[in-house]
Structure formats: structure tokens, C-alpha cells
């Protein structure tokens, strides 16, 4: 892509090269996009909001959300893989919690009208 160099070009506060230097690394952007993608589902957002008050057992999440066990497990695993949730096993039960409790504040800030 080329740009013409003429007197009618826009007035720019800094060069494109300087702007490019401020961008995060591609790897960072890809990681961030994967986290956002892991949240981009209504069921996953419900799970996030359920966990805002603390750790829950999978059985409690299942009871709160009208989905099958396999569906809930699928959603939990996606968010765990991306570091949104952390999990611990106690006996035959797995307990999930938010890996970063500030995620609720961040989501509410994003969705604020």
C-alpha cells in the first residue's frame, strides 16, 4: 500500500512508525484475543458472574445454569485453558474460581452504557 505525498495529506501528530512502536507484540495481542474469545459466550459470562462471589463446585454451577454437564464442562475448560478460571480438585469434585477477581470490574466497565 502506498500513500501519495502531497500538500493535501492529513495533519498527523506523529509518524506511523512511531505509532507502530506503541503497539503490543503480536503474540500479546493474540493471547489477549484468545482470552476475550473465551468470554464471548452468554453461558461463559453467566459462569463468570456466578463466580464473582467466590469459588463454586461444578455441581453448584450445573444447578444454577440450565445446561448439560458436558456443556458446562466444555465452557469451564475453555476459560481455564485461557487462564480466566483456576480449578482445584477435592475428592471427586472440582472447584472453580476466577483467576483474576478484577475481571468482573473490567467486564462491567466494558459493558457500561
C-alpha atoms as a PDB file:
ATOM      1  CA  UNK A   1       0.000   0.000   0.000  1.00  0.00           C
ATOM      2  CA  UNK A   2       1.403   3.355  -0.980  1.00  0.00           C
ATOM      3  CA  UNK A   3       0.390   6.825   0.044  1.00  0.00           C
ATOM      4  CA  UNK A   4       0.826   9.847  -2.090  1.00  0.00           C
ATOM      5  CA  UNK A   5       2.965  12.572  -0.650  1.00  0.00           C
ATOM      6  CA  UNK A   6       1.130  15.804  -1.428  1.00  0.00           C
ATOM      7  CA  UNK A   7       0.082  19.023   0.234  1.00  0.00           C
ATOM      8  CA  UNK A   8      -3.404  17.698   0.927  1.00  0.00           C
ATOM      9  CA  UNK A   9      -2.349  14.911   3.311  1.00  0.00           C
ATOM     10  CA  UNK A  10      -3.861  14.821   6.774  1.00  0.00           C
ATOM     11  CA  UNK A  11      -2.148  16.555   9.635  1.00  0.00           C
ATOM     12  CA  UNK A  12      -0.609  13.968  11.891  1.00  0.00           C
ATOM     13  CA  UNK A  13       0.699  14.429  15.401  1.00  0.00           C
ATOM     14  CA  UNK A  14       3.301  11.712  14.978  1.00  0.00           C
ATOM     15  CA  UNK A  15       4.584   9.345  12.333  1.00  0.00           C
ATOM     16  CA  UNK A  16       3.011   5.994  11.590  1.00  0.00           C
ATOM     17  CA  UNK A  17       6.318   4.393  12.522  1.00  0.00           C
ATOM     18  CA  UNK A  18       6.071   5.974  15.996  1.00  0.00           C
ATOM     19  CA  UNK A  19       2.508   4.719  16.338  1.00  0.00           C
ATOM     20  CA  UNK A  20       3.507   1.192  15.331  1.00  0.00           C
ATOM     21  CA  UNK A  21       6.174   1.200  18.062  1.00  0.00           C
ATOM     22  CA  UNK A  22       3.415   1.676  20.662  1.00  0.00           C
ATOM     23  CA  UNK A  23       1.551  -1.472  19.617  1.00  0.00           C
ATOM     24  CA  UNK A  24       1.821  -4.543  21.827  1.00  0.00           C
ATOM     25  CA  UNK A  25       3.635  -7.525  20.349  1.00  0.00           C
ATOM     26  CA  UNK A  26       1.577  -9.713  18.006  1.00  0.00           C
ATOM     27  CA  UNK A  27       1.894 -12.621  20.460  1.00  0.00           C
ATOM     28  CA  UNK A  28       0.428 -10.469  23.239  1.00  0.00           C
ATOM     29  CA  UNK A  29      -2.443  -9.382  21.011  1.00  0.00           C
ATOM     30  CA  UNK A  30      -3.135 -12.998  20.038  1.00  0.00           C
ATOM     31  CA  UNK A  31      -3.158 -14.052  23.708  1.00  0.00           C
ATOM     32  CA  UNK A  32      -5.476 -11.172  24.617  1.00  0.00           C
ATOM     33  CA  UNK A  33      -7.815 -12.008  21.739  1.00  0.00           C
ATOM     34  CA  UNK A  34      -7.956 -15.645  22.894  1.00  0.00           C
ATOM     35  CA  UNK A  35      -8.976 -14.546  26.405  1.00  0.00           C
ATOM     36  CA  UNK A  36     -11.687 -12.284  25.005  1.00  0.00           C
ATOM     37  CA  UNK A  37     -12.883 -15.072  22.723  1.00  0.00           C
ATOM     38  CA  UNK A  38     -13.114 -17.397  25.743  1.00  0.00           C
ATOM     39  CA  UNK A  39     -15.537 -14.916  27.338  1.00  0.00           C
ATOM     40  CA  UNK A  40     -17.605 -14.305  24.199  1.00  0.00           C
ATOM     41  CA  UNK A  41     -20.467 -16.624  25.071  1.00  0.00           C
ATOM     42  CA  UNK A  42     -23.557 -15.967  27.225  1.00  0.00           C
ATOM     43  CA  UNK A  43     -23.113 -19.207  29.189  1.00  0.00           C
ATOM     44  CA  UNK A  44     -19.483 -18.368  29.944  1.00  0.00           C
ATOM     45  CA  UNK A  45     -20.435 -14.888  31.072  1.00  0.00           C
ATOM     46  CA  UNK A  46     -23.067 -16.418  33.385  1.00  0.00           C
ATOM     47  CA  UNK A  47     -20.376 -18.642  34.872  1.00  0.00           C
ATOM     48  CA  UNK A  48     -18.089 -15.631  35.373  1.00  0.00           C
ATOM     49  CA  UNK A  49     -20.836 -13.741  37.183  1.00  0.00           C
ATOM     50  CA  UNK A  50     -21.676 -16.805  39.318  1.00  0.00           C
ATOM     51  CA  UNK A  51     -18.035 -16.995  40.387  1.00  0.00           C
ATOM     52  CA  UNK A  52     -17.783 -13.321  41.313  1.00  0.00           C
ATOM     53  CA  UNK A  53     -18.655 -14.152  44.917  1.00  0.00           C
ATOM     54  CA  UNK A  54     -16.076 -16.908  45.208  1.00  0.00           C
ATOM     55  CA  UNK A  55     -15.268 -20.489  44.449  1.00  0.00           C
ATOM     56  CA  UNK A  56     -18.007 -22.904  43.370  1.00  0.00           C
ATOM     57  CA  UNK A  57     -18.171 -26.633  42.818  1.00  0.00           C
ATOM     58  CA  UNK A  58     -19.141 -27.796  39.335  1.00  0.00           C
ATOM     59  CA  UNK A  59     -22.327 -29.243  40.834  1.00  0.00           C
ATOM     60  CA  UNK A  60     -23.333 -25.750  42.043  1.00  0.00           C
ATOM     61  CA  UNK A  61     -22.660 -24.249  38.614  1.00  0.00           C
ATOM     62  CA  UNK A  62     -24.712 -27.029  36.998  1.00  0.00           C
ATOM     63  CA  UNK A  63     -27.605 -26.327  39.349  1.00  0.00           C
ATOM     64  CA  UNK A  64     -27.510 -22.594  38.593  1.00  0.00           C
ATOM     65  CA  UNK A  65     -27.311 -22.901  34.799  1.00  0.00           C
ATOM     66  CA  UNK A  66     -29.785 -24.960  32.807  1.00  0.00           C
ATOM     67  CA  UNK A  67     -27.249 -26.773  30.629  1.00  0.00           C
ATOM     68  CA  UNK A  68     -25.911 -30.317  30.483  1.00  0.00           C
ATOM     69  CA  UNK A  69     -22.864 -31.375  32.474  1.00  0.00           C
ATOM     70  CA  UNK A  70     -20.844 -31.856  29.284  1.00  0.00           C
ATOM     71  CA  UNK A  71     -21.751 -28.356  28.049  1.00  0.00           C
ATOM     72  CA  UNK A  72     -20.775 -26.736  31.350  1.00  0.00           C
ATOM     73  CA  UNK A  73     -17.517 -28.726  31.456  1.00  0.00           C
ATOM     74  CA  UNK A  74     -16.724 -27.611  27.912  1.00  0.00           C
ATOM     75  CA  UNK A  75     -17.213 -23.940  28.823  1.00  0.00           C
ATOM     76  CA  UNK A  76     -15.232 -24.276  32.057  1.00  0.00           C
ATOM     77  CA  UNK A  77     -12.329 -25.924  30.241  1.00  0.00           C
ATOM     78  CA  UNK A  78     -12.182 -23.194  27.597  1.00  0.00           C
ATOM     79  CA  UNK A  79     -11.956 -20.492  30.260  1.00  0.00           C
ATOM     80  CA  UNK A  80      -9.483 -22.487  32.349  1.00  0.00           C
ATOM     81  CA  UNK A  81      -7.253 -23.034  29.296  1.00  0.00           C
ATOM     82  CA  UNK A  82      -7.120 -19.267  28.696  1.00  0.00           C
ATOM     83  CA  UNK A  83      -6.331 -18.503  32.341  1.00  0.00           C
ATOM     84  CA  UNK A  84      -9.683 -16.896  33.136  1.00  0.00           C
ATOM     85  CA  UNK A  85     -10.502 -19.566  35.731  1.00  0.00           C
ATOM     86  CA  UNK A  86      -8.459 -21.675  38.085  1.00  0.00           C
ATOM     87  CA  UNK A  87      -9.541 -25.044  39.429  1.00  0.00           C
ATOM     88  CA  UNK A  88      -8.743 -27.426  42.215  1.00  0.00           C
ATOM     89  CA  UNK A  89      -9.874 -30.979  42.786  1.00  0.00           C
ATOM     90  CA  UNK A  90     -11.134 -32.168  46.143  1.00  0.00           C
ATOM     91  CA  UNK A  91     -12.139 -35.800  46.151  1.00  0.00           C
ATOM     92  CA  UNK A  92     -14.362 -36.349  43.152  1.00  0.00           C
ATOM     93  CA  UNK A  93     -15.383 -32.673  42.889  1.00  0.00           C
ATOM     94  CA  UNK A  94     -13.706 -29.857  41.014  1.00  0.00           C
ATOM     95  CA  UNK A  95     -13.970 -26.326  42.354  1.00  0.00           C
ATOM     96  CA  UNK A  96     -13.578 -23.299  40.101  1.00  0.00           C
ATOM     97  CA  UNK A  97     -12.825 -19.673  40.864  1.00  0.00           C
ATOM     98  CA  UNK A  98     -11.883 -16.575  38.932  1.00  0.00           C
ATOM     99  CA  UNK A  99      -8.154 -16.455  38.263  1.00  0.00           C
ATOM    100  CA  UNK A 100      -8.374 -12.663  38.485  1.00  0.00           C
ATOM    101  CA  UNK A 101     -11.194 -11.243  40.583  1.00  0.00           C
ATOM    102  CA  UNK A 102     -10.870  -7.879  38.810  1.00  0.00           C
ATOM    103  CA  UNK A 103     -12.354  -9.397  35.665  1.00  0.00           C
ATOM    104  CA  UNK A 104     -15.872  -8.551  36.880  1.00  0.00           C
ATOM    105  CA  UNK A 105     -14.984  -4.870  37.239  1.00  0.00           C
ATOM    106  CA  UNK A 106     -13.350  -4.909  33.813  1.00  0.00           C
ATOM    107  CA  UNK A 107     -16.400  -6.517  32.200  1.00  0.00           C
ATOM    108  CA  UNK A 108     -18.782  -4.110  33.856  1.00  0.00           C
ATOM    109  CA  UNK A 109     -16.656  -1.193  32.670  1.00  0.00           C
ATOM    110  CA  UNK A 110     -16.718  -2.541  29.096  1.00  0.00           C
ATOM    111  CA  UNK A 111     -20.480  -3.075  29.128  1.00  0.00           C
ATOM    112  CA  UNK A 112     -21.318   0.206  30.855  1.00  0.00           C
ATOM    113  CA  UNK A 113     -23.586   2.393  28.731  1.00  0.00           C
END
